[in-house]
């Protein structure tokens, strides 16, 4: 990034202001990046945990797989998923609040006695799958925000701060050279005036 500037005190003040703003903001942005990185890891770990839980639940019900042929698939369905939002390091993230099921009525006499338990098993599995999807989405959103924050940290650290420092140094050197030239010119003028004054005496 090329920083455009003029060789004067106004530009120097402006660049100093820009530099100070970035230097002060950098630790905050780094903290945000660290917090996001931690949250991404937590969401990933939770996704893996839920995936393992789902596999375990499915495995535990594998022995009764034949019974599920008797189950009525349209007897239970997810009717709504209540979602809230939560801010994590300044990023809005969806939060699963509740999975609402719609149950069709059925006769306890006409269906096998394990039907109520079957319904609760399906509810549990559906909740695990839904929660897992939420954590996957959370992980994607947080990781995107983390990458954006990392880019900003790199932009400040590797491009803008060194760029402003370099520009400030150039302006300071230019102004010092200009001042030195001005002083030298004043000395020369003073010496000439002294010589003229000596000649007229």
N, C-alpha and C. Protein backbone atom coordinates (compact mmCIF):
# COMPACT_ATOMS: atom_id res chain seq x y z
N UNK A 1 0.84 -1.19 0.00
CA UNK A 1 0.00 0.00 0.00
C UNK A 1 0.88 1.24 0.00
N UNK A 2 0.66 2.10 -0.98
CA UNK A 2 1.42 3.34 -1.08
C UNK A 2 0.65 4.43 -0.35
N UNK A 3 1.32 5.06 0.59
CA UNK A 3 0.68 6.14 1.35
C UNK A 3 1.03 7.46 0.67
N UNK A 4 -0.01 8.17 0.26
CA UNK A 4 0.20 9.47 -0.41
C UNK A 4 0.29 10.55 0.65
N UNK A 5 1.28 11.40 0.51
CA UNK A 5 1.46 12.47 1.49
C UNK A 5 2.23 13.64 0.86
N UNK A 6 2.16 14.77 1.54
CA UNK A 6 2.92 15.96 1.12
C UNK A 6 3.98 16.22 2.17
N UNK A 7 5.02 16.87 1.75
CA UNK A 7 6.15 17.14 2.65
C UNK A 7 5.90 18.44 3.42
N UNK A 8 4.98 18.39 4.39
CA UNK A 8 4.74 19.55 5.25
C UNK A 8 4.28 19.09 6.63
N UNK A 9 4.19 20.06 7.56
CA UNK A 9 3.86 19.72 8.95
C UNK A 9 2.41 19.23 9.11
N UNK A 10 1.52 19.72 8.27
CA UNK A 10 0.12 19.29 8.34
C UNK A 10 0.01 17.81 8.00
N UNK A 11 0.71 17.41 6.93
CA UNK A 11 0.72 15.99 6.53
C UNK A 11 1.37 15.14 7.62
N UNK A 12 2.42 15.67 8.25
CA UNK A 12 3.10 14.96 9.32
C UNK A 12 2.15 14.71 10.49
N UNK A 13 1.38 15.74 10.88
CA UNK A 13 0.40 15.59 11.98
C UNK A 13 -0.67 14.56 11.62
N UNK A 14 -1.15 14.65 10.38
CA UNK A 14 -2.20 13.72 9.92
C UNK A 14 -1.70 12.27 9.93
N UNK A 15 -0.48 12.06 9.45
CA UNK A 15 0.10 10.71 9.42
C UNK A 15 0.36 10.18 10.83
N UNK A 16 0.82 11.05 11.71
CA UNK A 16 1.03 10.66 13.11
C UNK A 16 -0.28 10.22 13.76
N UNK A 17 -1.35 10.96 13.45
CA UNK A 17 -2.68 10.65 13.98
C UNK A 17 -3.13 9.27 13.48
N UNK A 18 -2.96 9.03 12.17
CA UNK A 18 -3.33 7.75 11.56
C UNK A 18 -2.51 6.59 12.16
N UNK A 19 -1.22 6.83 12.33
CA UNK A 19 -0.33 5.81 12.89
C UNK A 19 -0.73 5.47 14.32
N UNK A 20 -0.93 6.50 15.15
CA UNK A 20 -1.32 6.29 16.56
C UNK A 20 -2.63 5.53 16.67
N UNK A 21 -3.58 5.86 15.78
CA UNK A 21 -4.87 5.19 15.79
C UNK A 21 -4.69 3.68 15.54
N UNK A 22 -3.84 3.33 14.57
CA UNK A 22 -3.61 1.93 14.23
C UNK A 22 -2.81 1.20 15.32
N UNK A 23 -1.83 1.88 15.88
CA UNK A 23 -1.02 1.27 16.94
C UNK A 23 -1.89 0.98 18.17
N UNK A 24 -2.82 1.90 18.49
CA UNK A 24 -3.72 1.69 19.63
C UNK A 24 -4.73 0.59 19.35
N UNK A 25 -5.20 0.51 18.11
CA UNK A 25 -6.23 -0.47 17.74
C UNK A 25 -5.68 -1.89 17.60
N UNK A 26 -4.40 -2.01 17.26
CA UNK A 26 -3.81 -3.32 16.98
C UNK A 26 -3.97 -4.34 18.12
N UNK A 27 -3.67 -4.00 19.39
CA UNK A 27 -3.85 -5.00 20.46
C UNK A 27 -5.30 -5.48 20.59
N UNK A 28 -6.26 -4.57 20.40
CA UNK A 28 -7.68 -4.93 20.48
C UNK A 28 -8.04 -5.92 19.37
N UNK A 29 -7.56 -5.64 18.16
CA UNK A 29 -7.84 -6.51 17.02
C UNK A 29 -7.18 -7.87 17.23
N UNK A 30 -5.97 -7.87 17.78
CA UNK A 30 -5.27 -9.14 18.06
C UNK A 30 -6.04 -9.96 19.10
N UNK A 31 -6.58 -9.28 20.13
CA UNK A 31 -7.38 -9.96 21.15
C UNK A 31 -8.64 -10.56 20.54
N UNK A 32 -9.26 -9.78 19.63
CA UNK A 32 -10.46 -10.27 18.95
C UNK A 32 -10.13 -11.52 18.13
N UNK A 33 -9.00 -11.47 17.44
CA UNK A 33 -8.58 -12.62 16.62
C UNK A 33 -8.36 -13.86 17.49
N UNK A 34 -7.71 -13.66 18.63
CA UNK A 34 -7.45 -14.78 19.56
C UNK A 34 -8.76 -15.35 20.10
N UNK A 35 -9.68 -14.45 20.45
CA UNK A 35 -10.99 -14.89 20.97
C UNK A 35 -11.76 -15.67 19.91
N UNK A 36 -11.73 -15.18 18.67
CA UNK A 36 -12.42 -15.86 17.57
C UNK A 36 -11.79 -17.22 17.29
N UNK A 37 -10.47 -17.27 17.33
CA UNK A 37 -9.76 -18.54 17.10
C UNK A 37 -10.18 -19.58 18.14
N UNK A 38 -10.29 -19.14 19.40
CA UNK A 38 -10.71 -20.02 20.49
C UNK A 38 -12.15 -20.50 20.29
N UNK A 39 -13.03 -19.57 19.89
CA UNK A 39 -14.44 -19.91 19.66
C UNK A 39 -14.60 -20.87 18.48
N UNK A 40 -13.78 -20.70 17.44
CA UNK A 40 -13.82 -21.61 16.29
C UNK A 40 -13.45 -23.02 16.75
N UNK A 41 -12.42 -23.10 17.60
CA UNK A 41 -11.98 -24.41 18.11
C UNK A 41 -13.08 -25.04 18.96
N UNK A 42 -13.72 -24.23 19.81
CA UNK A 42 -14.81 -24.74 20.66
C UNK A 42 -15.97 -25.27 19.80
N UNK A 43 -16.32 -24.50 18.77
CA UNK A 43 -17.43 -24.92 17.89
C UNK A 43 -17.07 -26.20 17.14
N UNK A 44 -15.81 -26.30 16.72
CA UNK A 44 -15.35 -27.51 16.02
C UNK A 44 -15.39 -28.71 16.96
N UNK A 45 -14.88 -28.52 18.18
CA UNK A 45 -14.88 -29.60 19.18
C UNK A 45 -16.31 -30.05 19.49
N UNK A 46 -17.22 -29.08 19.61
CA UNK A 46 -18.62 -29.40 19.92
C UNK A 46 -19.26 -30.16 18.75
N UNK A 47 -18.92 -29.77 17.51
CA UNK A 47 -19.44 -30.46 16.32
C UNK A 47 -18.99 -31.92 16.32
N UNK A 48 -17.70 -32.13 16.62
CA UNK A 48 -17.14 -33.50 16.68
C UNK A 48 -17.82 -34.29 17.79
N UNK A 49 -18.01 -33.63 18.94
CA UNK A 49 -18.66 -34.28 20.08
C UNK A 49 -20.09 -34.72 19.72
N UNK A 50 -20.83 -33.84 19.04
CA UNK A 50 -22.20 -34.16 18.65
C UNK A 50 -22.24 -35.25 17.58
N UNK A 51 -21.26 -35.22 16.68
CA UNK A 51 -21.15 -36.26 15.64
C UNK A 51 -20.92 -37.63 16.29
N UNK A 52 -20.04 -37.67 17.27
CA UNK A 52 -19.75 -38.92 17.99
C UNK A 52 -20.98 -39.38 18.79
N UNK A 53 -21.67 -38.42 19.40
CA UNK A 53 -22.88 -38.73 20.17
C UNK A 53 -23.94 -39.35 19.25
N UNK A 54 -24.08 -38.75 18.05
CA UNK A 54 -25.05 -39.25 17.07
C UNK A 54 -24.71 -40.68 16.64
N UNK A 55 -23.43 -40.90 16.34
CA UNK A 55 -22.99 -42.25 15.94
C UNK A 55 -23.26 -43.26 17.04
N UNK A 56 -22.97 -42.85 18.30
CA UNK A 56 -23.18 -43.72 19.45
C UNK A 56 -24.66 -44.07 19.62
N UNK A 57 -25.51 -43.04 19.48
CA UNK A 57 -26.96 -43.26 19.61
C UNK A 57 -27.47 -44.18 18.51
N UNK A 58 -27.02 -43.94 17.27
CA UNK A 58 -27.46 -44.78 16.15
C UNK A 58 -27.00 -46.22 16.33
N UNK A 59 -25.78 -46.36 16.83
CA UNK A 59 -25.22 -47.70 17.06
C UNK A 59 -26.02 -48.44 18.14
N UNK A 60 -26.39 -47.70 19.20
CA UNK A 60 -27.13 -48.32 20.30
C UNK A 60 -28.53 -48.78 19.86
N UNK A 61 -29.07 -48.15 18.81
CA UNK A 61 -30.40 -48.53 18.32
C UNK A 61 -30.33 -49.45 17.11
N UNK A 62 -29.13 -49.80 16.69
CA UNK A 62 -28.96 -50.65 15.51
C UNK A 62 -29.55 -52.05 15.71
N UNK A 63 -29.52 -52.54 16.96
CA UNK A 63 -30.05 -53.88 17.25
C UNK A 63 -31.56 -53.96 17.01
N UNK A 64 -32.24 -52.82 17.21
CA UNK A 64 -33.69 -52.81 17.04
C UNK A 64 -34.12 -52.26 15.68
N UNK A 65 -33.21 -52.32 14.70
CA UNK A 65 -33.48 -51.72 13.39
C UNK A 65 -34.70 -52.34 12.70
N UNK A 66 -34.93 -53.63 12.93
CA UNK A 66 -36.08 -54.31 12.33
C UNK A 66 -37.41 -53.75 12.78
N UNK A 67 -37.45 -53.29 14.04
CA UNK A 67 -38.69 -52.74 14.59
C UNK A 67 -39.10 -51.46 13.88
N UNK A 68 -38.12 -50.72 13.40
CA UNK A 68 -38.42 -49.42 12.77
C UNK A 68 -39.23 -49.56 11.49
N UNK A 69 -39.29 -50.79 10.94
CA UNK A 69 -40.12 -51.03 9.75
C UNK A 69 -41.60 -50.83 10.09
N UNK A 70 -41.95 -51.03 11.35
CA UNK A 70 -43.34 -50.87 11.80
C UNK A 70 -43.67 -49.40 12.12
N UNK A 71 -42.63 -48.58 12.25
CA UNK A 71 -42.84 -47.18 12.67
C UNK A 71 -43.47 -46.35 11.56
N UNK A 72 -44.35 -45.46 11.93
CA UNK A 72 -45.00 -44.58 10.95
C UNK A 72 -44.15 -43.31 10.79
N UNK A 73 -43.49 -43.12 9.63
CA UNK A 73 -42.56 -41.99 9.48
C UNK A 73 -43.21 -40.61 9.58
N UNK A 74 -44.50 -40.52 9.22
CA UNK A 74 -45.14 -39.19 9.27
C UNK A 74 -45.78 -38.88 10.62
N UNK A 75 -45.51 -39.72 11.61
CA UNK A 75 -46.11 -39.52 12.94
C UNK A 75 -45.45 -38.37 13.71
N UNK A 76 -44.19 -38.08 13.35
CA UNK A 76 -43.47 -36.99 14.02
C UNK A 76 -42.62 -36.23 13.01
N UNK A 77 -42.61 -34.92 13.18
CA UNK A 77 -41.80 -34.07 12.29
C UNK A 77 -41.40 -32.81 13.05
N UNK A 78 -40.33 -32.18 12.59
CA UNK A 78 -39.92 -30.90 13.18
C UNK A 78 -40.82 -29.83 12.58
N UNK A 79 -41.53 -29.11 13.44
CA UNK A 79 -42.43 -28.06 12.94
C UNK A 79 -41.77 -26.69 12.98
N UNK A 80 -40.83 -26.52 13.92
CA UNK A 80 -40.15 -25.21 14.02
C UNK A 80 -38.83 -25.35 14.78
N UNK A 81 -37.93 -24.47 14.44
CA UNK A 81 -36.66 -24.39 15.17
C UNK A 81 -36.53 -22.95 15.65
N UNK A 82 -36.56 -22.77 16.95
CA UNK A 82 -36.45 -21.41 17.50
C UNK A 82 -34.98 -21.02 17.59
N UNK A 83 -34.70 -19.87 17.00
CA UNK A 83 -33.31 -19.41 16.90
C UNK A 83 -33.16 -18.06 17.59
N UNK A 84 -32.09 -17.94 18.34
CA UNK A 84 -31.74 -16.66 18.94
C UNK A 84 -30.41 -16.20 18.34
N UNK A 85 -29.93 -15.07 18.76
CA UNK A 85 -28.60 -14.62 18.31
C UNK A 85 -27.77 -14.23 19.52
N UNK A 86 -26.48 -14.39 19.35
CA UNK A 86 -25.54 -14.08 20.42
C UNK A 86 -24.32 -13.45 19.78
N UNK A 87 -23.76 -12.46 20.45
CA UNK A 87 -22.55 -11.84 19.92
C UNK A 87 -21.33 -12.46 20.56
N UNK A 88 -20.43 -12.95 19.71
CA UNK A 88 -19.16 -13.50 20.18
C UNK A 88 -18.06 -12.69 19.53
N UNK A 89 -17.30 -11.97 20.34
CA UNK A 89 -16.22 -11.09 19.85
C UNK A 89 -16.71 -10.17 18.74
N UNK A 90 -17.93 -9.63 18.93
CA UNK A 90 -18.49 -8.68 17.98
C UNK A 90 -19.13 -9.31 16.75
N UNK A 91 -19.25 -10.64 16.73
CA UNK A 91 -19.84 -11.33 15.57
C UNK A 91 -21.17 -11.94 15.99
N UNK A 92 -22.24 -11.63 15.24
CA UNK A 92 -23.55 -12.19 15.54
C UNK A 92 -23.61 -13.64 15.07
N UNK A 93 -23.97 -14.51 16.00
CA UNK A 93 -24.01 -15.95 15.75
C UNK A 93 -25.40 -16.49 16.08
N UNK A 94 -25.97 -17.34 15.20
CA UNK A 94 -27.26 -17.94 15.56
C UNK A 94 -27.10 -18.96 16.68
N UNK A 95 -28.07 -18.97 17.57
CA UNK A 95 -28.04 -19.90 18.70
C UNK A 95 -29.34 -20.71 18.69
N UNK A 96 -29.19 -22.01 18.78
CA UNK A 96 -30.35 -22.90 18.82
C UNK A 96 -30.99 -22.80 20.20
N UNK A 97 -32.26 -22.40 20.22
CA UNK A 97 -32.95 -22.29 21.50
C UNK A 97 -33.84 -23.50 21.75
N UNK A 98 -34.61 -23.89 20.72
CA UNK A 98 -35.53 -25.01 20.94
C UNK A 98 -35.95 -25.62 19.60
N UNK A 99 -36.06 -26.93 19.59
CA UNK A 99 -36.59 -27.64 18.43
C UNK A 99 -38.02 -28.05 18.79
N UNK A 100 -38.97 -27.60 17.97
CA UNK A 100 -40.38 -27.90 18.25
C UNK A 100 -40.86 -28.98 17.28
N UNK A 101 -41.46 -30.00 17.85
CA UNK A 101 -41.93 -31.14 17.06
C UNK A 101 -43.45 -31.11 16.92
N UNK A 102 -43.89 -31.65 15.81
CA UNK A 102 -45.33 -31.81 15.58
C UNK A 102 -45.60 -33.32 15.58
N UNK A 103 -46.46 -33.74 16.48
CA UNK A 103 -46.78 -35.17 16.58
C UNK A 103 -48.21 -35.42 16.10
N UNK A 104 -48.34 -36.38 15.24
CA UNK A 104 -49.67 -36.81 14.81
C UNK A 104 -50.22 -37.76 15.88
N UNK A 105 -51.51 -37.72 16.02
CA UNK A 105 -52.14 -38.63 17.00
C UNK A 105 -52.16 -40.04 16.43
N UNK A 106 -52.01 -41.00 17.33
CA UNK A 106 -52.08 -42.41 16.93
C UNK A 106 -52.69 -43.22 18.07
N UNK A 107 -53.20 -44.36 17.72
CA UNK A 107 -53.84 -45.21 18.72
C UNK A 107 -52.80 -46.07 19.43
N UNK A 108 -52.77 -45.99 20.73
CA UNK A 108 -51.84 -46.81 21.52
C UNK A 108 -52.19 -48.30 21.42
N UNK A 109 -53.44 -48.56 21.13
CA UNK A 109 -53.90 -49.96 21.05
C UNK A 109 -53.53 -50.59 19.69
N UNK A 110 -53.56 -49.76 18.63
CA UNK A 110 -53.30 -50.28 17.28
C UNK A 110 -51.81 -50.37 16.96
N UNK A 111 -50.98 -49.64 17.72
CA UNK A 111 -49.54 -49.61 17.43
C UNK A 111 -48.77 -50.37 18.51
N UNK A 112 -47.54 -50.79 18.16
CA UNK A 112 -46.72 -51.50 19.17
C UNK A 112 -46.48 -50.63 20.40
N UNK A 113 -46.26 -51.28 21.55
CA UNK A 113 -46.11 -50.54 22.81
C UNK A 113 -44.82 -49.72 22.90
N UNK A 114 -43.87 -49.96 22.00
CA UNK A 114 -42.60 -49.21 22.02
C UNK A 114 -42.69 -47.89 21.25
N UNK A 115 -43.86 -47.58 20.65
CA UNK A 115 -44.02 -46.35 19.85
C UNK A 115 -43.66 -45.07 20.62
N UNK A 116 -44.15 -44.88 21.85
CA UNK A 116 -43.78 -43.65 22.59
C UNK A 116 -42.26 -43.53 22.78
N UNK A 117 -41.62 -44.66 23.06
CA UNK A 117 -40.16 -44.64 23.22
C UNK A 117 -39.50 -44.34 21.86
N UNK A 118 -40.06 -44.88 20.79
CA UNK A 118 -39.54 -44.63 19.44
C UNK A 118 -39.62 -43.15 19.09
N UNK A 119 -40.72 -42.53 19.48
CA UNK A 119 -40.89 -41.09 19.23
C UNK A 119 -39.84 -40.30 19.99
N UNK A 120 -39.61 -40.66 21.26
CA UNK A 120 -38.60 -39.92 22.05
C UNK A 120 -37.19 -40.14 21.48
N UNK A 121 -36.92 -41.34 20.93
CA UNK A 121 -35.61 -41.61 20.30
C UNK A 121 -35.44 -40.72 19.08
N UNK A 122 -36.48 -40.64 18.24
CA UNK A 122 -36.41 -39.80 17.03
C UNK A 122 -36.23 -38.33 17.41
N UNK A 123 -36.94 -37.89 18.43
CA UNK A 123 -36.78 -36.50 18.90
C UNK A 123 -35.33 -36.24 19.31
N UNK A 124 -34.78 -37.15 20.09
CA UNK A 124 -33.40 -37.00 20.58
C UNK A 124 -32.42 -36.94 19.41
N UNK A 125 -32.58 -37.84 18.43
CA UNK A 125 -31.69 -37.87 17.27
C UNK A 125 -31.83 -36.59 16.44
N UNK A 126 -33.07 -36.14 16.26
CA UNK A 126 -33.33 -34.92 15.49
C UNK A 126 -32.70 -33.70 16.17
N UNK A 127 -32.78 -33.66 17.49
CA UNK A 127 -32.18 -32.55 18.25
C UNK A 127 -30.67 -32.56 18.12
N UNK A 128 -30.06 -33.75 18.17
CA UNK A 128 -28.59 -33.86 18.02
C UNK A 128 -28.17 -33.37 16.63
N UNK A 129 -28.89 -33.84 15.59
CA UNK A 129 -28.56 -33.45 14.21
C UNK A 129 -28.72 -31.94 14.02
N UNK A 130 -29.82 -31.38 14.55
CA UNK A 130 -30.07 -29.94 14.42
C UNK A 130 -29.00 -29.13 15.14
N UNK A 131 -28.67 -29.56 16.35
CA UNK A 131 -27.64 -28.85 17.13
C UNK A 131 -26.29 -28.92 16.42
N UNK A 132 -25.99 -30.09 15.86
CA UNK A 132 -24.73 -30.26 15.13
C UNK A 132 -24.65 -29.30 13.93
N UNK A 133 -25.77 -29.17 13.22
CA UNK A 133 -25.83 -28.25 12.07
C UNK A 133 -25.61 -26.80 12.52
N UNK A 134 -26.17 -26.47 13.69
CA UNK A 134 -25.98 -25.12 14.22
C UNK A 134 -24.52 -24.86 14.56
N UNK A 135 -23.87 -25.85 15.17
CA UNK A 135 -22.46 -25.67 15.52
C UNK A 135 -21.57 -25.61 14.28
N UNK A 136 -21.95 -26.35 13.23
CA UNK A 136 -21.21 -26.26 11.97
C UNK A 136 -21.33 -24.86 11.39
N UNK A 137 -22.56 -24.33 11.40
CA UNK A 137 -22.81 -22.97 10.88
C UNK A 137 -22.05 -21.94 11.72
N UNK A 138 -22.09 -22.13 13.02
CA UNK A 138 -21.39 -21.23 13.95
C UNK A 138 -19.89 -21.24 13.64
N UNK A 139 -19.36 -22.44 13.42
CA UNK A 139 -17.93 -22.59 13.13
C UNK A 139 -17.56 -21.85 11.84
N UNK A 140 -18.40 -21.99 10.81
CA UNK A 140 -18.15 -21.34 9.51
C UNK A 140 -18.18 -19.81 9.67
N UNK A 141 -19.19 -19.30 10.36
CA UNK A 141 -19.32 -17.84 10.57
C UNK A 141 -18.14 -17.28 11.37
N UNK A 142 -17.79 -17.98 12.45
CA UNK A 142 -16.69 -17.51 13.30
C UNK A 142 -15.36 -17.59 12.57
N UNK A 143 -15.17 -18.64 11.78
CA UNK A 143 -13.92 -18.80 11.04
C UNK A 143 -13.78 -17.71 9.97
N UNK A 144 -14.90 -17.36 9.33
CA UNK A 144 -14.89 -16.27 8.35
C UNK A 144 -14.49 -14.95 9.02
N UNK A 145 -15.11 -14.69 10.17
CA UNK A 145 -14.80 -13.46 10.93
C UNK A 145 -13.35 -13.47 11.40
N UNK A 146 -12.86 -14.65 11.82
CA UNK A 146 -11.47 -14.77 12.27
C UNK A 146 -10.50 -14.46 11.11
N UNK A 147 -10.81 -15.02 9.91
CA UNK A 147 -9.92 -14.77 8.76
C UNK A 147 -9.90 -13.28 8.39
N UNK A 148 -11.07 -12.65 8.46
CA UNK A 148 -11.15 -11.20 8.18
C UNK A 148 -10.32 -10.41 9.20
N UNK A 149 -10.42 -10.82 10.47
CA UNK A 149 -9.68 -10.14 11.54
C UNK A 149 -8.18 -10.37 11.37
N UNK A 150 -7.78 -11.58 10.98
CA UNK A 150 -6.37 -11.89 10.74
C UNK A 150 -5.83 -11.02 9.61
N UNK A 151 -6.66 -10.85 8.56
CA UNK A 151 -6.25 -9.99 7.44
C UNK A 151 -6.02 -8.55 7.92
N UNK A 152 -6.91 -8.09 8.80
CA UNK A 152 -6.78 -6.72 9.32
C UNK A 152 -5.53 -6.58 10.17
N UNK A 153 -5.25 -7.59 11.01
CA UNK A 153 -4.03 -7.59 11.83
C UNK A 153 -2.81 -7.51 10.93
N UNK A 154 -2.78 -8.35 9.89
CA UNK A 154 -1.64 -8.37 8.95
C UNK A 154 -1.53 -7.05 8.21
N UNK A 155 -2.68 -6.48 7.81
CA UNK A 155 -2.67 -5.19 7.11
C UNK A 155 -2.06 -4.11 7.99
N UNK A 156 -2.50 -4.06 9.25
CA UNK A 156 -1.97 -3.06 10.18
C UNK A 156 -0.49 -3.30 10.47
N UNK A 157 -0.19 -4.56 10.85
CA UNK A 157 1.16 -4.90 11.30
C UNK A 157 2.22 -4.85 10.20
N UNK A 158 1.88 -5.41 9.03
CA UNK A 158 2.88 -5.59 7.99
C UNK A 158 2.86 -4.54 6.90
N UNK A 159 1.73 -3.81 6.79
CA UNK A 159 1.62 -2.86 5.68
C UNK A 159 1.45 -1.42 6.19
N UNK A 160 0.33 -1.17 6.86
CA UNK A 160 0.00 0.22 7.19
C UNK A 160 0.93 0.86 8.23
N UNK A 161 1.16 0.19 9.35
CA UNK A 161 2.01 0.78 10.40
C UNK A 161 3.42 1.05 9.86
N UNK A 162 4.09 0.05 9.23
CA UNK A 162 5.42 0.35 8.66
C UNK A 162 5.35 1.43 7.58
N UNK A 163 4.26 1.45 6.79
CA UNK A 163 4.09 2.46 5.74
C UNK A 163 4.01 3.86 6.31
N UNK A 164 3.19 4.02 7.36
CA UNK A 164 3.06 5.33 8.01
C UNK A 164 4.37 5.74 8.68
N UNK A 165 5.04 4.79 9.32
CA UNK A 165 6.32 5.10 9.97
C UNK A 165 7.35 5.58 8.95
N UNK A 166 7.38 4.90 7.80
CA UNK A 166 8.30 5.26 6.72
C UNK A 166 7.98 6.65 6.17
N UNK A 167 6.69 6.92 5.96
CA UNK A 167 6.27 8.23 5.43
C UNK A 167 6.61 9.35 6.42
N UNK A 168 6.37 9.10 7.71
CA UNK A 168 6.67 10.09 8.75
C UNK A 168 8.17 10.39 8.79
N UNK A 169 8.97 9.34 8.70
CA UNK A 169 10.43 9.49 8.69
C UNK A 169 10.88 10.34 7.49
N UNK A 170 10.31 10.07 6.32
CA UNK A 170 10.65 10.83 5.11
C UNK A 170 10.31 12.31 5.26
N UNK A 171 9.11 12.58 5.81
CA UNK A 171 8.69 13.98 6.00
C UNK A 171 9.61 14.67 7.01
N UNK A 172 9.92 13.97 8.13
CA UNK A 172 10.81 14.56 9.15
C UNK A 172 12.18 14.89 8.56
N UNK A 173 12.73 13.96 7.79
CA UNK A 173 14.03 14.20 7.15
C UNK A 173 13.97 15.39 6.19
N UNK A 174 12.89 15.43 5.41
CA UNK A 174 12.72 16.52 4.45
C UNK A 174 12.64 17.86 5.18
N UNK A 175 11.82 17.90 6.25
CA UNK A 175 11.66 19.15 7.01
C UNK A 175 12.96 19.55 7.71
N UNK A 176 13.72 18.56 8.21
CA UNK A 176 15.03 18.85 8.83
C UNK A 176 16.01 19.40 7.79
N UNK A 177 16.03 18.76 6.61
CA UNK A 177 16.91 19.24 5.52
C UNK A 177 16.54 20.66 5.11
N UNK A 178 15.23 20.89 5.02
CA UNK A 178 14.74 22.22 4.63
C UNK A 178 15.15 23.26 5.67
N UNK A 179 15.05 22.87 6.96
CA UNK A 179 15.42 23.78 8.05
C UNK A 179 16.93 24.05 8.02
N UNK A 180 17.70 22.99 7.80
CA UNK A 180 19.16 23.15 7.72
C UNK A 180 19.56 24.04 6.55
N UNK A 181 18.90 23.84 5.40
CA UNK A 181 19.18 24.68 4.23
C UNK A 181 18.82 26.14 4.52
N UNK A 182 17.70 26.32 5.19
CA UNK A 182 17.24 27.67 5.53
C UNK A 182 18.23 28.34 6.47
N UNK A 183 18.71 27.58 7.48
CA UNK A 183 19.72 28.13 8.42
C UNK A 183 21.01 28.47 7.69
N UNK A 184 21.42 27.55 6.80
CA UNK A 184 22.65 27.78 6.03
C UNK A 184 22.50 29.03 5.16
N UNK A 185 21.34 29.16 4.52
CA UNK A 185 21.08 30.32 3.67
C UNK A 185 21.10 31.60 4.49
N UNK A 186 20.53 31.53 5.70
CA UNK A 186 20.52 32.72 6.58
C UNK A 186 21.94 33.10 6.99
N UNK A 187 22.78 32.08 7.28
CA UNK A 187 24.18 32.34 7.64
C UNK A 187 24.92 33.00 6.49
N UNK A 188 24.69 32.49 5.27
CA UNK A 188 25.36 33.05 4.07
C UNK A 188 24.94 34.50 3.88
N UNK A 189 23.64 34.75 4.00
CA UNK A 189 23.11 36.13 3.84
C UNK A 189 23.71 37.03 4.91
N UNK A 190 23.80 36.51 6.14
CA UNK A 190 24.34 37.30 7.26
C UNK A 190 25.81 37.64 7.02
N UNK A 191 26.58 36.64 6.53
CA UNK A 191 28.01 36.87 6.24
C UNK A 191 28.19 37.91 5.15
N UNK A 192 27.34 37.81 4.11
CA UNK A 192 27.42 38.80 3.00
C UNK A 192 27.12 40.20 3.51
N UNK A 193 26.10 40.27 4.38
CA UNK A 193 25.74 41.58 4.93
C UNK A 193 26.86 42.14 5.80
N UNK A 194 27.52 41.23 6.56
CA UNK A 194 28.65 41.66 7.39
C UNK A 194 29.80 42.18 6.52
N UNK A 195 30.08 41.44 5.43
CA UNK A 195 31.17 41.85 4.51
C UNK A 195 30.86 43.20 3.87
N UNK A 196 29.58 43.40 3.48
CA UNK A 196 29.17 44.67 2.88
C UNK A 196 29.33 45.79 3.89
N UNK A 197 28.93 45.46 5.13
CA UNK A 197 29.02 46.46 6.19
C UNK A 197 30.48 46.83 6.48
N UNK A 198 31.38 45.80 6.41
CA UNK A 198 32.80 46.05 6.65
C UNK A 198 33.41 46.89 5.53
N UNK A 199 32.96 46.65 4.31
CA UNK A 199 33.48 47.40 3.15
C UNK A 199 33.03 48.84 3.18
N UNK A 200 31.84 49.09 3.65
CA UNK A 200 31.33 50.46 3.69
C UNK A 200 31.97 51.28 4.81
N UNK A 201 32.59 50.60 5.78
CA UNK A 201 33.18 51.34 6.90
C UNK A 201 34.50 51.94 6.51
